[in-house]
Every structure is written in structure tokens, then in C-alpha cells.
Amino acid sequence: MDKKNDLQAVESLSKAKEQIKTELSKVIVGQQAVIDELLTALLCGGHVLLVGVPGLAKTLMINTLAQSLNLSFNRIQFTPDLMPSDITGTDIIEEEQGSRKRFFKFLKGPVFANIVLADEINRTPPKTQAALLQAMQERKVTAGGNTFILDEPFFVLATQNPIEQEGTYPLPEAQLDRFMFNTLVDYPSSDEEVQIVKSTTSAYQASIKPVLSAAEIVALQQLVRRVPVADSVVEFAVSLSRRTRPKAAESPDFVKEYVAWGAGPRASQYLILGAKARAILEGRLAPGIEDVRALALPVLRHRIITNFNAEAAGVDSVEIINRLLG
């Protein structure tokens, strides 16, 4: 696609973003930063880990987003007894009429949707978590010796409750790294909460209009890849990631003191991809360093593992990132 068409696509995306937010505002009050991060990750083909206490309308937000984008949506409630086949699907025996021959037929599981909500992903054992994470990484499911390609766009949003950790199976760092963003869903403000209570206790029912189609989203994901980036912006993103590693020569003293493991190369990739998507969502043709800085927290928050010194001093990964950004 030529530059003129790309420019038109960026302009139309900027308008579509406002339309999507208008549709979401019919149901969701506030949470603008969360919505921006969800749209950014979707355009990058990444996945999001949503962390927030129960009752903050995470499921409703994701379902409404799927409606506004005209995408198929499935929700999986993760529980300790959930099996991998409950996510990916299972083979069932069917009998052919007439010949009465029996054969296996694959019954697709809830992972076969454009948007998949993995509710409380840390409540199920690692074997079941891995079944979803394989689909996230490879965009396909293997069952009974057959491989099934997942429809694009494929967008996984997993939720975690930060309060109750008893009886949970925390995601290993290697699996956490597959999520582009770790997005914090916070409490609403006082005015927003008043508005929430008024709207949810009335007879009002919102009608959500689709803004984009699956094909348009795939085209926009390809557009993100074509967005040019200055070398200085790439160097800033790489430098930021490298400075989170305690063994790197360029890392500051507080990182060496408080960090056990820093972010890997995937963080640098997501910082640049996210910066590209953020730029075109705001109607700009190229990202700047400010875009990388704006996405540093959601990209790096779950990729920096602090040590015992940090725990004793009350220092977490968010403080490390803020100090690195100056």
C-alpha cells in the first residue's frame, strides 16, 4: 500500500477510535487509559493481562469491545478442575448414517474466537494454562494429530485478582512474558462511581453499534508494521530494556541492588510496536520517544523481577520503572 493510502488509513483509524470509545461509553464509565491500552495491544497483535479487584467491569468492558469491533467473543472461567480440552476442544465419536461407521469429529473449544477472555487465569493448574498460552503464541491448536489455525485477529485478555492468592497457580515468568501488556484496572473516581450506580440500577439498556470489522483490524495490524520509526526511538527502547537487567554494564546501581531479573528482548519489541500503534491511534504517522515512555509501565511491569532487598525496602517494579524514566 502506498503512503497516500496509509495516510488515509491512519486518519480513518483516528476517527474509528473515537467512535469505539463512544460505543464503550454507553456501557463503561471511565477507564480511558485501560481502553487505550486494549486498542493498542489489539493493533499490535499482542495479548493483555488485566489485573484488578472483582467488580470493576472487566468482563463487561471486553464483551462490549468485541461488540463494537464486530468480533466473536468467548469467556472461559478458569477453575482448578479445568482441563486443556475444555479450552482447545475435544474429539467426539460420531456414527455415519447408513453405513454406521464410527469416526472421530473435533468439537472446537472456546479458544476458537477472535477475543477470548481468560477469567482468573491463575486459578487453574499450569498444564491447562499452557494450553491457552500455546494458542496465544502460535495462533493454532493441535488436537488428535490435526492442527487447526485460529481466526485472525486473535486477542487474549486474561484477568487476575491481586488480592486473593490462596489456591492459585501464579503464571511463570516465561508465560507472563507472552503478554504484551500488564494493565492495571483501578477503582473508579467518586463521580464515576455515582454514574455507574445510576446507570446499572436503571432500566437503561445500551445498543452497541459495530465500528470496525475483523478484516479491517487485520489490515490495521499490517499497517502498524509499516509505520516508520527513527533509530533514536529504537535505541531509547532498547536502552530502557537493557537498563532493567542487573548484570548489564549500563544498568544503574539501584537496579543492581533491587532487581533479580530484568526484561528480555521481547520488551524492546513490544515497546516499539506499541509506540507505533499509539502514534497512529492519535493520528500521527511516526512514533516518538514520548510514546515509548507512555508504554513503559504496562510493558515492563510484569517483566522486572525484584529481589529480597527490594522487598525489604518496599521497592516494587513500578518504582524501578519510574526511576529509570527519570
C-alpha atoms as a PDB file:
ATOM      1  CA  MET A   1       0.000   0.000   0.000  1.00  0.00           C
ATOM      2  CA  ASP A   2       1.332   3.453  -0.885  1.00  0.00           C
ATOM      3  CA  LYS A   3       1.908   6.350   1.505  1.00  0.00           C
ATOM      4  CA  LYS A   4      -1.271   8.178   0.443  1.00  0.00           C
ATOM      5  CA  ASN A   5      -3.451   5.161   1.265  1.00  0.00           C
ATOM      6  CA  ASP A   6      -1.610   4.636   4.551  1.00  0.00           C
ATOM      7  CA  LEU A   7      -2.270   8.272   5.485  1.00  0.00           C
ATOM      8  CA  GLN A   8      -5.975   7.808   4.762  1.00  0.00           C
ATOM      9  CA  ALA A   9      -5.981   4.630   6.870  1.00  0.00           C
ATOM     10  CA  VAL A  10      -4.367   6.485   9.803  1.00  0.00           C
ATOM     11  CA  GLU A  11      -6.952   9.272   9.571  1.00  0.00           C
ATOM     12  CA  SER A  12      -9.852   6.807   9.427  1.00  0.00           C
ATOM     13  CA  LEU A  13      -8.401   4.842  12.373  1.00  0.00           C
ATOM     14  CA  SER A  14      -8.197   8.003  14.478  1.00  0.00           C
ATOM     15  CA  LYS A  15     -11.918   8.612  13.794  1.00  0.00           C
ATOM     16  CA  ALA A  16     -12.765   4.948  14.436  1.00  0.00           C
ATOM     17  CA  LYS A  17     -11.003   5.121  17.811  1.00  0.00           C
ATOM     18  CA  GLU A  18     -13.327   7.938  18.924  1.00  0.00           C
ATOM     19  CA  GLN A  19     -16.353   6.002  17.638  1.00  0.00           C
ATOM     20  CA  ILE A  20     -15.255   2.885  19.568  1.00  0.00           C
ATOM     21  CA  LYS A  21     -14.834   4.950  22.727  1.00  0.00           C
ATOM     22  CA  THR A  22     -18.293   6.465  22.177  1.00  0.00           C
ATOM     23  CA  GLU A  23     -19.814   2.981  21.927  1.00  0.00           C
ATOM     24  CA  LEU A  24     -17.934   1.772  25.017  1.00  0.00           C
ATOM     25  CA  SER A  25     -19.011   4.852  26.999  1.00  0.00           C
ATOM     26  CA  LYS A  26     -22.633   3.705  26.611  1.00  0.00           C
ATOM     27  CA  VAL A  27     -21.783   0.865  28.993  1.00  0.00           C
ATOM     28  CA  ILE A  28     -18.382   1.588  30.583  1.00  0.00           C
ATOM     29  CA  VAL A  29     -17.794   4.644  32.768  1.00  0.00           C
ATOM     30  CA  GLY A  30     -14.205   5.969  32.811  1.00  0.00           C
ATOM     31  CA  GLN A  31     -11.240   3.550  32.408  1.00  0.00           C
ATOM     32  CA  GLN A  32      -9.979   5.530  29.388  1.00  0.00           C
ATOM     33  CA  ALA A  33      -6.335   4.527  29.946  1.00  0.00           C
ATOM     34  CA  VAL A  34      -7.312   0.834  30.073  1.00  0.00           C
ATOM     35  CA  ILE A  35      -9.340   1.132  26.846  1.00  0.00           C
ATOM     36  CA  ASP A  36      -6.397   2.867  25.105  1.00  0.00           C
ATOM     37  CA  GLU A  37      -4.057   0.038  26.125  1.00  0.00           C
ATOM     38  CA  LEU A  38      -6.531  -2.621  24.922  1.00  0.00           C
ATOM     39  CA  LEU A  39      -6.842  -0.957  21.494  1.00  0.00           C
ATOM     40  CA  THR A  40      -3.054  -0.520  21.261  1.00  0.00           C
ATOM     41  CA  ALA A  41      -2.417  -4.207  22.055  1.00  0.00           C
ATOM     42  CA  LEU A  42      -5.117  -5.317  19.595  1.00  0.00           C
ATOM     43  CA  LEU A  43      -3.492  -3.352  16.749  1.00  0.00           C
ATOM     44  CA  CYS A  44      -0.123  -4.896  17.622  1.00  0.00           C
ATOM     45  CA  GLY A  45      -1.486  -8.451  17.680  1.00  0.00           C
ATOM     46  CA  GLY A  46      -0.481  -8.710  21.346  1.00  0.00           C
ATOM     47  CA  HIS A  47      -2.313 -10.035  24.403  1.00  0.00           C
ATOM     48  CA  VAL A  48      -3.162  -8.318  27.694  1.00  0.00           C
ATOM     49  CA  LEU A  49      -3.089  -9.397  31.343  1.00  0.00           C
ATOM     50  CA  LEU A  50      -5.689  -7.344  33.246  1.00  0.00           C
ATOM     51  CA  VAL A  51      -5.040  -7.034  36.977  1.00  0.00           C
ATOM     52  CA  GLY A  52      -7.805  -5.654  39.171  1.00  0.00           C
ATOM     53  CA  VAL A  53     -10.109  -6.473  42.078  1.00  0.00           C
ATOM     54  CA  PRO A  54     -13.501  -8.088  41.341  1.00  0.00           C
ATOM     55  CA  GLY A  55     -16.428  -5.909  40.321  1.00  0.00           C
ATOM     56  CA  LEU A  56     -14.595  -3.393  38.111  1.00  0.00           C
ATOM     57  CA  ALA A  57     -16.493  -4.465  34.943  1.00  0.00           C
ATOM     58  CA  LYS A  58     -13.502  -6.106  33.251  1.00  0.00           C
ATOM     59  CA  THR A  59     -15.681  -8.776  31.610  1.00  0.00           C
ATOM     60  CA  LEU A  60     -18.309  -6.231  30.553  1.00  0.00           C
ATOM     61  CA  MET A  61     -15.624  -3.972  29.062  1.00  0.00           C
ATOM     62  CA  ILE A  62     -14.129  -6.772  26.969  1.00  0.00           C
ATOM     63  CA  ASN A  63     -17.526  -8.059  25.815  1.00  0.00           C
ATOM     64  CA  THR A  64     -18.578  -4.535  24.788  1.00  0.00           C
ATOM     65  CA  LEU A  65     -15.263  -4.033  22.961  1.00  0.00           C
ATOM     66  CA  ALA A  66     -15.896  -7.250  20.991  1.00  0.00           C
ATOM     67  CA  GLN A  67     -19.368  -5.986  20.017  1.00  0.00           C
ATOM     68  CA  SER A  68     -18.027  -2.591  18.898  1.00  0.00           C
ATOM     69  CA  LEU A  69     -15.442  -4.366  16.707  1.00  0.00           C
ATOM     70  CA  ASN A  70     -17.932  -6.944  15.382  1.00  0.00           C
ATOM     71  CA  LEU A  71     -15.732  -9.791  16.637  1.00  0.00           C
ATOM     72  CA  SER A  72     -16.661 -13.171  18.103  1.00  0.00           C
ATOM     73  CA  PHE A  73     -16.179 -13.371  21.876  1.00  0.00           C
ATOM     74  CA  ASN A  74     -15.835 -16.279  24.318  1.00  0.00           C
ATOM     75  CA  ARG A  75     -15.287 -16.215  28.061  1.00  0.00           C
ATOM     76  CA  ILE A  76     -13.519 -19.046  29.900  1.00  0.00           C
ATOM     77  CA  GLN A  77     -13.860 -19.190  33.684  1.00  0.00           C
ATOM     78  CA  PHE A  78     -10.635 -20.758  34.921  1.00  0.00           C
ATOM     79  CA  THR A  79     -11.080 -23.183  37.830  1.00  0.00           C
ATOM     80  CA  PRO A  80      -8.783 -25.777  39.471  1.00  0.00           C
ATOM     81  CA  ASP A  81     -10.571 -28.669  37.700  1.00  0.00           C
ATOM     82  CA  LEU A  82     -10.436 -27.120  34.190  1.00  0.00           C
ATOM     83  CA  MET A  83      -8.764 -29.411  31.629  1.00  0.00           C
ATOM     84  CA  PRO A  84      -6.792 -28.369  28.498  1.00  0.00           C
ATOM     85  CA  SER A  85      -9.511 -29.902  26.293  1.00  0.00           C
ATOM     86  CA  ASP A  86     -12.067 -27.600  27.962  1.00  0.00           C
ATOM     87  CA  ILE A  87     -10.193 -24.739  26.304  1.00  0.00           C
ATOM     88  CA  THR A  88      -8.973 -26.120  22.994  1.00  0.00           C
ATOM     89  CA  GLY A  89     -11.739 -28.616  22.246  1.00  0.00           C
ATOM     90  CA  THR A  90     -12.113 -32.383  22.215  1.00  0.00           C
ATOM     91  CA  ASP A  91     -12.656 -35.335  19.841  1.00  0.00           C
ATOM     92  CA  ILE A  92     -16.096 -36.934  19.968  1.00  0.00           C
ATOM     93  CA  ILE A  93     -17.261 -40.181  18.317  1.00  0.00           C
ATOM     94  CA  GLU A  94     -19.932 -39.838  15.646  1.00  0.00           C
ATOM     95  CA  GLU A  95     -21.711 -42.522  13.652  1.00  0.00           C
ATOM     96  CA  GLU A  96     -22.338 -42.186   9.923  1.00  0.00           C
ATOM     97  CA  GLN A  97     -25.959 -42.839   8.997  1.00  0.00           C
ATOM     98  CA  GLY A  98     -26.485 -45.828   6.732  1.00  0.00           C
ATOM     99  CA  SER A  99     -23.008 -47.414   6.931  1.00  0.00           C
ATOM    100  CA  ARG A 100     -22.957 -46.962  10.722  1.00  0.00           C
ATOM    101  CA  LYS A 101     -19.220 -46.343  10.524  1.00  0.00           C
ATOM    102  CA  ARG A 102     -17.814 -44.528  13.505  1.00  0.00           C
ATOM    103  CA  PHE A 103     -15.339 -41.704  13.262  1.00  0.00           C
ATOM    104  CA  PHE A 104     -13.817 -39.008  15.413  1.00  0.00           C
ATOM    105  CA  LYS A 105     -15.001 -35.421  14.993  1.00  0.00           C
ATOM    106  CA  PHE A 106     -13.215 -32.479  16.603  1.00  0.00           C
ATOM    107  CA  LEU A 107     -15.530 -30.237  18.607  1.00  0.00           C
ATOM    108  CA  LYS A 108     -13.939 -26.789  18.830  1.00  0.00           C
ATOM    109  CA  GLY A 109     -13.482 -25.257  22.281  1.00  0.00           C
ATOM    110  CA  PRO A 110     -13.981 -21.656  23.423  1.00  0.00           C
ATOM    111  CA  VAL A 111     -10.457 -20.654  22.308  1.00  0.00           C
ATOM    112  CA  PHE A 112     -11.843 -20.543  18.747  1.00  0.00           C
ATOM    113  CA  ALA A 113     -12.972 -16.907  18.876  1.00  0.00           C
ATOM    114  CA  ASN A 114     -11.497 -13.531  17.922  1.00  0.00           C
ATOM    115  CA  ILE A 115     -11.499 -12.267  21.507  1.00  0.00           C
ATOM    116  CA  VAL A 116     -11.018 -14.734  24.369  1.00  0.00           C
ATOM    117  CA  LEU A 117     -11.409 -13.685  27.997  1.00  0.00           C
ATOM    118  CA  ALA A 118      -9.463 -15.986  30.333  1.00  0.00           C
ATOM    119  CA  ASP A 119     -11.085 -15.116  33.648  1.00  0.00           C
ATOM    120  CA  GLU A 120      -8.803 -15.631  36.678  1.00  0.00           C
ATOM    121  CA  ILE A 121      -6.131 -17.449  34.680  1.00  0.00           C
ATOM    122  CA  ASN A 122      -4.086 -18.136  37.824  1.00  0.00           C
ATOM    123  CA  ARG A 123      -6.840 -20.352  39.296  1.00  0.00           C
ATOM    124  CA  THR A 124      -6.070 -23.316  37.026  1.00  0.00           C
ATOM    125  CA  PRO A 125      -3.011 -25.647  37.053  1.00  0.00           C
ATOM    126  CA  PRO A 126      -0.008 -24.982  34.760  1.00  0.00           C
ATOM    127  CA  LYS A 127      -0.969 -27.766  32.315  1.00  0.00           C
ATOM    128  CA  THR A 128      -4.250 -26.009  31.494  1.00  0.00           C
ATOM    129  CA  GLN A 129      -2.634 -22.551  31.471  1.00  0.00           C
ATOM    130  CA  ALA A 130      -0.105 -23.851  28.936  1.00  0.00           C
ATOM    131  CA  ALA A 131      -2.888 -24.970  26.550  1.00  0.00           C
ATOM    132  CA  LEU A 132      -4.092 -21.381  26.239  1.00  0.00           C
ATOM    133  CA  LEU A 133      -0.595 -19.923  26.110  1.00  0.00           C
ATOM    134  CA  GLN A 134       0.336 -22.217  23.198  1.00  0.00           C
ATOM    135  CA  ALA A 135      -2.641 -20.866  21.243  1.00  0.00           C
ATOM    136  CA  MET A 136      -1.570 -17.309  22.129  1.00  0.00           C
ATOM    137  CA  GLN A 137       1.951 -17.800  20.851  1.00  0.00           C
ATOM    138  CA  GLU A 138       1.414 -19.983  17.786  1.00  0.00           C
ATOM    139  CA  ARG A 139      -2.141 -18.906  16.773  1.00  0.00           C
ATOM    140  CA  LYS A 140      -3.081 -22.552  16.284  1.00  0.00           C
ATOM    141  CA  VAL A 141      -4.360 -25.576  18.198  1.00  0.00           C
ATOM    142  CA  THR A 142      -3.167 -29.175  17.804  1.00  0.00           C
ATOM    143  CA  ALA A 143      -5.578 -31.963  18.769  1.00  0.00           C
ATOM    144  CA  GLY A 144      -5.815 -35.600  17.744  1.00  0.00           C
ATOM    145  CA  GLY A 145      -2.883 -35.213  15.371  1.00  0.00           C
ATOM    146  CA  ASN A 146      -4.589 -32.373  13.474  1.00  0.00           C
ATOM    147  CA  THR A 147      -3.664 -28.695  13.516  1.00  0.00           C
ATOM    148  CA  PHE A 148      -6.359 -26.027  13.441  1.00  0.00           C
ATOM    149  CA  ILE A 149      -5.460 -22.427  12.598  1.00  0.00           C
ATOM    150  CA  LEU A 150      -7.188 -19.792  14.733  1.00  0.00           C
ATOM    151  CA  ASP A 151      -9.044 -16.975  13.008  1.00  0.00           C
ATOM    152  CA  GLU A 152      -7.417 -13.541  12.911  1.00  0.00           C
ATOM    153  CA  PRO A 153      -7.490 -11.263  14.748  1.00  0.00           C
ATOM    154  CA  PHE A 154      -6.870 -13.430  17.815  1.00  0.00           C
ATOM    155  CA  PHE A 155      -6.796 -11.439  21.041  1.00  0.00           C
ATOM    156  CA  VAL A 156      -6.494 -12.980  24.523  1.00  0.00           C
ATOM    157  CA  LEU A 157      -7.283 -10.972  27.639  1.00  0.00           C
ATOM    158  CA  ALA A 158      -6.548 -12.727  30.914  1.00  0.00           C
ATOM    159  CA  THR A 159      -7.613 -11.430  34.326  1.00  0.00           C
ATOM    160  CA  GLN A 160      -6.024 -11.852  37.734  1.00  0.00           C
ATOM    161  CA  ASN A 161      -7.288 -10.878  41.163  1.00  0.00           C
ATOM    162  CA  PRO A 162      -4.386  -9.201  43.053  1.00  0.00           C
ATOM    163  CA  ILE A 163      -5.977  -9.761  46.481  1.00  0.00           C
ATOM    164  CA  GLU A 164      -6.781 -13.444  46.911  1.00  0.00           C
ATOM    165  CA  GLN A 165      -3.728 -15.599  46.188  1.00  0.00           C
ATOM    166  CA  GLU A 166      -4.656 -18.708  48.204  1.00  0.00           C
ATOM    167  CA  GLY A 167      -5.227 -21.742  45.993  1.00  0.00           C
ATOM    168  CA  THR A 168      -3.799 -20.084  42.888  1.00  0.00           C
ATOM    169  CA  TYR A 169      -1.106 -21.086  40.397  1.00  0.00           C
ATOM    170  CA  PRO A 170       0.907 -17.943  39.553  1.00  0.00           C
ATOM    171  CA  LEU A 171       1.990 -17.757  35.917  1.00  0.00           C
ATOM    172  CA  PRO A 172       5.720 -18.487  35.463  1.00  0.00           C
ATOM    173  CA  GLU A 173       7.851 -15.599  34.202  1.00  0.00           C
ATOM    174  CA  ALA A 174       8.284 -17.232  30.770  1.00  0.00           C
ATOM    175  CA  GLN A 175       4.499 -17.356  30.354  1.00  0.00           C
ATOM    176  CA  LEU A 176       3.975 -13.843  31.721  1.00  0.00           C
ATOM    177  CA  ASP A 177       6.410 -12.631  29.066  1.00  0.00           C
ATOM    178  CA  ARG A 178       3.937 -13.674  26.341  1.00  0.00           C
ATOM    179  CA  PHE A 179       1.557 -10.922  27.415  1.00  0.00           C
ATOM    180  CA  MET A 180       2.317  -7.640  25.692  1.00  0.00           C
ATOM    181  CA  PHE A 181       0.806  -5.515  28.480  1.00  0.00           C
ATOM    182  CA  ASN A 182       0.171  -5.907  32.178  1.00  0.00           C
ATOM    183  CA  THR A 183      -2.723  -3.471  32.553  1.00  0.00           C
ATOM    184  CA  LEU A 184      -3.897  -2.281  35.962  1.00  0.00           C
ATOM    185  CA  VAL A 185      -7.668  -1.771  36.276  1.00  0.00           C
ATOM    186  CA  ASP A 186      -8.127   0.632  39.188  1.00  0.00           C
ATOM    187  CA  TYR A 187     -11.138   1.782  41.201  1.00  0.00           C
ATOM    188  CA  PRO A 188     -13.343   4.466  39.596  1.00  0.00           C
ATOM    189  CA  SER A 189     -13.360   8.032  40.900  1.00  0.00           C
ATOM    190  CA  SER A 190     -16.202   9.218  43.179  1.00  0.00           C
ATOM    191  CA  ASP A 191     -18.078  10.915  40.315  1.00  0.00           C
ATOM    192  CA  GLU A 192     -17.603   7.889  38.048  1.00  0.00           C
ATOM    193  CA  GLU A 193     -18.902   5.548  40.746  1.00  0.00           C
ATOM    194  CA  VAL A 194     -22.036   7.666  41.168  1.00  0.00           C
ATOM    195  CA  GLN A 195     -22.603   7.456  37.405  1.00  0.00           C
ATOM    196  CA  ILE A 196     -22.017   3.682  37.443  1.00  0.00           C
ATOM    197  CA  VAL A 197     -24.579   3.130  40.192  1.00  0.00           C
ATOM    198  CA  LYS A 198     -27.162   5.321  38.437  1.00  0.00           C
ATOM    199  CA  SER A 199     -26.811   3.566  35.068  1.00  0.00           C
ATOM    200  CA  THR A 200     -26.623  -0.012  36.374  1.00  0.00           C
ATOM    201  CA  THR A 201     -29.640   0.294  38.667  1.00  0.00           C
ATOM    202  CA  SER A 202     -31.938   1.760  35.997  1.00  0.00           C
ATOM    203  CA  ALA A 203     -33.858   0.151  33.126  1.00  0.00           C
ATOM    204  CA  TYR A 204     -31.387   1.555  30.564  1.00  0.00           C
ATOM    205  CA  GLN A 205     -30.077  -0.959  28.004  1.00  0.00           C
ATOM    206  CA  ALA A 206     -27.342   0.141  25.620  1.00  0.00           C
ATOM    207  CA  SER A 207     -27.301  -0.780  21.933  1.00  0.00           C
ATOM    208  CA  ILE A 208     -23.716  -1.204  20.681  1.00  0.00           C
ATOM    209  CA  LYS A 209     -23.025  -0.460  17.003  1.00  0.00           C
ATOM    210  CA  PRO A 210     -20.068  -2.177  15.254  1.00  0.00           C
ATOM    211  CA  VAL A 211     -17.330   0.257  14.190  1.00  0.00           C
ATOM    212  CA  LEU A 212     -14.674  -1.996  12.583  1.00  0.00           C
ATOM    213  CA  SER A 213     -14.726  -5.473  11.062  1.00  0.00           C
ATOM    214  CA  ALA A 214     -12.255  -8.351  11.529  1.00  0.00           C
ATOM    215  CA  ALA A 215     -10.779  -7.765   8.051  1.00  0.00           C
ATOM    216  CA  GLU A 216     -10.258  -4.057   8.779  1.00  0.00           C
ATOM    217  CA  ILE A 217      -8.500  -4.836  12.058  1.00  0.00           C
ATOM    218  CA  VAL A 218      -6.140  -7.311  10.321  1.00  0.00           C
ATOM    219  CA  ALA A 219      -5.353  -4.613   7.724  1.00  0.00           C
ATOM    220  CA  LEU A 220      -4.639  -2.112  10.515  1.00  0.00           C
ATOM    221  CA  GLN A 221      -2.330  -4.630  12.219  1.00  0.00           C
ATOM    222  CA  GLN A 222      -0.366  -4.820   8.962  1.00  0.00           C
ATOM    223  CA  LEU A 223      -0.352  -1.009   8.801  1.00  0.00           C
ATOM    224  CA  VAL A 224       1.249  -0.843  12.270  1.00  0.00           C
ATOM    225  CA  ARG A 225       4.138  -2.958  10.987  1.00  0.00           C
ATOM    226  CA  ARG A 226       4.719  -0.487   8.134  1.00  0.00           C
ATOM    227  CA  VAL A 227       4.934   2.592  10.363  1.00  0.00           C
ATOM    228  CA  PRO A 228       8.488   4.031  10.189  1.00  0.00           C
ATOM    229  CA  VAL A 229      10.491   4.516  13.394  1.00  0.00           C
ATOM    230  CA  ALA A 230      13.536   6.734  13.899  1.00  0.00           C
ATOM    231  CA  ASP A 231      16.729   4.990  15.045  1.00  0.00           C
ATOM    232  CA  SER A 232      16.838   7.230  18.126  1.00  0.00           C
ATOM    233  CA  VAL A 233      13.427   5.898  19.248  1.00  0.00           C
ATOM    234  CA  VAL A 234      14.506   2.262  18.774  1.00  0.00           C
ATOM    235  CA  GLU A 235      17.759   2.945  20.644  1.00  0.00           C
ATOM    236  CA  PHE A 236      15.816   4.541  23.529  1.00  0.00           C
ATOM    237  CA  ALA A 237      13.517   1.481  23.799  1.00  0.00           C
ATOM    238  CA  VAL A 238      16.439  -0.969  23.711  1.00  0.00           C
ATOM    239  CA  SER A 239      18.406   1.102  26.227  1.00  0.00           C
ATOM    240  CA  LEU A 240      15.413   1.219  28.588  1.00  0.00           C
ATOM    241  CA  SER A 241      15.008  -2.563  28.447  1.00  0.00           C
ATOM    242  CA  ARG A 242      18.723  -3.238  28.883  1.00  0.00           C
ATOM    243  CA  ARG A 243      18.953  -0.939  31.916  1.00  0.00           C
ATOM    244  CA  THR A 244      16.432  -3.173  33.752  1.00  0.00           C
ATOM    245  CA  ARG A 245      18.989  -6.030  33.732  1.00  0.00           C
ATOM    246  CA  PRO A 246      21.198  -6.089  36.841  1.00  0.00           C
ATOM    247  CA  LYS A 247      24.146  -7.695  35.011  1.00  0.00           C
ATOM    248  CA  ALA A 248      24.174  -5.177  32.156  1.00  0.00           C
ATOM    249  CA  ALA A 249      27.053  -2.688  32.230  1.00  0.00           C
ATOM    250  CA  GLU A 250      24.700   0.272  31.617  1.00  0.00           C
ATOM    251  CA  SER A 251      22.231  -0.574  34.418  1.00  0.00           C
ATOM    252  CA  PRO A 252      22.184   1.942  37.326  1.00  0.00           C
ATOM    253  CA  ASP A 253      23.179   0.983  40.877  1.00  0.00           C
ATOM    254  CA  PHE A 254      19.588   0.774  42.188  1.00  0.00           C
ATOM    255  CA  VAL A 255      18.783  -1.862  39.510  1.00  0.00           C
ATOM    256  CA  LYS A 256      21.823  -3.930  40.531  1.00  0.00           C
ATOM    257  CA  GLU A 257      20.676  -3.657  44.169  1.00  0.00           C
ATOM    258  CA  TYR A 258      16.947  -4.387  43.793  1.00  0.00           C
ATOM    259  CA  VAL A 259      16.411  -6.420  40.604  1.00  0.00           C
ATOM    260  CA  ALA A 260      16.920 -10.192  40.282  1.00  0.00           C
ATOM    261  CA  TRP A 261      15.956 -10.440  36.592  1.00  0.00           C
ATOM    262  CA  GLY A 262      15.252  -7.735  34.035  1.00  0.00           C
ATOM    263  CA  ALA A 263      13.230  -7.548  30.838  1.00  0.00           C
ATOM    264  CA  GLY A 264      14.230  -9.593  27.783  1.00  0.00           C
ATOM    265  CA  PRO A 265      14.352  -8.555  24.097  1.00  0.00           C
ATOM    266  CA  ARG A 266      10.582  -9.099  23.746  1.00  0.00           C
ATOM    267  CA  ALA A 267      10.094  -5.988  25.904  1.00  0.00           C
ATOM    268  CA  SER A 268      12.011  -3.833  23.396  1.00  0.00           C
ATOM    269  CA  GLN A 269       9.950  -5.270  20.541  1.00  0.00           C
ATOM    270  CA  TYR A 270       6.664  -4.540  22.317  1.00  0.00           C
ATOM    271  CA  LEU A 271       7.788  -1.025  23.278  1.00  0.00           C
ATOM    272  CA  ILE A 272       8.361  -0.189  19.606  1.00  0.00           C
ATOM    273  CA  LEU A 273       5.262  -1.996  18.298  1.00  0.00           C
ATOM    274  CA  GLY A 274       3.149  -0.322  20.971  1.00  0.00           C
ATOM    275  CA  ALA A 275       4.655   3.079  20.202  1.00  0.00           C
ATOM    276  CA  LYS A 276       3.760   2.625  16.509  1.00  0.00           C
ATOM    277  CA  ALA A 277       0.156   1.706  17.335  1.00  0.00           C
ATOM    278  CA  ARG A 278      -0.179   4.534  19.855  1.00  0.00           C
ATOM    279  CA  ALA A 279       1.054   7.034  17.271  1.00  0.00           C
ATOM    280  CA  ILE A 280      -1.405   6.041  14.545  1.00  0.00           C
ATOM    281  CA  LEU A 281      -4.274   5.839  17.049  1.00  0.00           C
ATOM    282  CA  GLU A 282      -3.561   9.509  17.752  1.00  0.00           C
ATOM    283  CA  GLY A 283      -3.378  10.328  14.036  1.00  0.00           C
ATOM    284  CA  ARG A 284       0.434  10.604  13.838  1.00  0.00           C
ATOM    285  CA  LEU A 285       2.493   8.912  11.115  1.00  0.00           C
ATOM    286  CA  ALA A 286       5.537   8.047  13.240  1.00  0.00           C
ATOM    287  CA  PRO A 287       6.147   7.418  16.951  1.00  0.00           C
ATOM    288  CA  GLY A 288       8.440   9.407  19.213  1.00  0.00           C
ATOM    289  CA  ILE A 289      10.275   8.742  22.474  1.00  0.00           C
ATOM    290  CA  GLU A 290       7.221  10.022  24.399  1.00  0.00           C
ATOM    291  CA  ASP A 291       5.212   7.060  23.022  1.00  0.00           C
ATOM    292  CA  VAL A 292       7.798   4.597  24.346  1.00  0.00           C
ATOM    293  CA  ARG A 293       7.811   6.332  27.745  1.00  0.00           C
ATOM    294  CA  ALA A 294       3.992   6.222  27.883  1.00  0.00           C
ATOM    295  CA  LEU A 295       4.000   2.424  27.410  1.00  0.00           C
ATOM    296  CA  ALA A 296       6.940   1.617  29.689  1.00  0.00           C
ATOM    297  CA  LEU A 297       4.766   0.699  32.695  1.00  0.00           C
ATOM    298  CA  PRO A 298       2.369  -1.788  31.026  1.00  0.00           C
ATOM    299  CA  VAL A 299       5.202  -3.382  29.001  1.00  0.00           C
ATOM    300  CA  LEU A 300       7.802  -3.659  31.776  1.00  0.00           C
ATOM    301  CA  ARG A 301       5.688  -4.020  34.947  1.00  0.00           C
ATOM    302  CA  HIS A 302       5.496  -7.836  34.751  1.00  0.00           C
ATOM    303  CA  ARG A 303       8.945  -8.337  33.230  1.00  0.00           C
ATOM    304  CA  ILE A 304      11.046  -6.979  36.109  1.00  0.00           C
ATOM    305  CA  ILE A 305      11.554  -9.465  38.951  1.00  0.00           C
ATOM    306  CA  THR A 306      12.678  -7.784  42.165  1.00  0.00           C
ATOM    307  CA  ASN A 307      14.801  -9.476  44.858  1.00  0.00           C
ATOM    308  CA  PHE A 308      14.708  -9.735  48.664  1.00  0.00           C
ATOM    309  CA  ASN A 309      16.475  -6.379  49.073  1.00  0.00           C
ATOM    310  CA  ALA A 310      13.643  -4.694  47.171  1.00  0.00           C
ATOM    311  CA  GLU A 311      11.010  -6.468  49.259  1.00  0.00           C
ATOM    312  CA  ALA A 312      12.713  -5.360  52.471  1.00  0.00           C
ATOM    313  CA  ALA A 313      12.947  -1.770  51.220  1.00  0.00           C
ATOM    314  CA  GLY A 314       9.358  -1.744  49.918  1.00  0.00           C
ATOM    315  CA  VAL A 315      10.508  -1.231  46.314  1.00  0.00           C
ATOM    316  CA  ASP A 316       8.412  -2.761  43.502  1.00  0.00           C
ATOM    317  CA  SER A 317       8.803  -2.965  39.717  1.00  0.00           C
ATOM    318  CA  VAL A 318       6.695   0.172  39.179  1.00  0.00           C
ATOM    319  CA  GLU A 319       9.116   2.242  41.277  1.00  0.00           C
ATOM    320  CA  ILE A 320      12.070   0.756  39.378  1.00  0.00           C
ATOM    321  CA  ILE A 321      10.484   1.775  36.041  1.00  0.00           C
ATOM    322  CA  ASN A 322       9.655   5.294  37.238  1.00  0.00           C
ATOM    323  CA  ARG A 323      13.231   5.782  38.430  1.00  0.00           C
ATOM    324  CA  LEU A 324      14.596   4.527  35.104  1.00  0.00           C
ATOM    325  CA  LEU A 325      12.374   7.013  33.260  1.00  0.00           C
ATOM    326  CA  GLY A 326      13.656   9.814  35.488  1.00  0.00           C
END
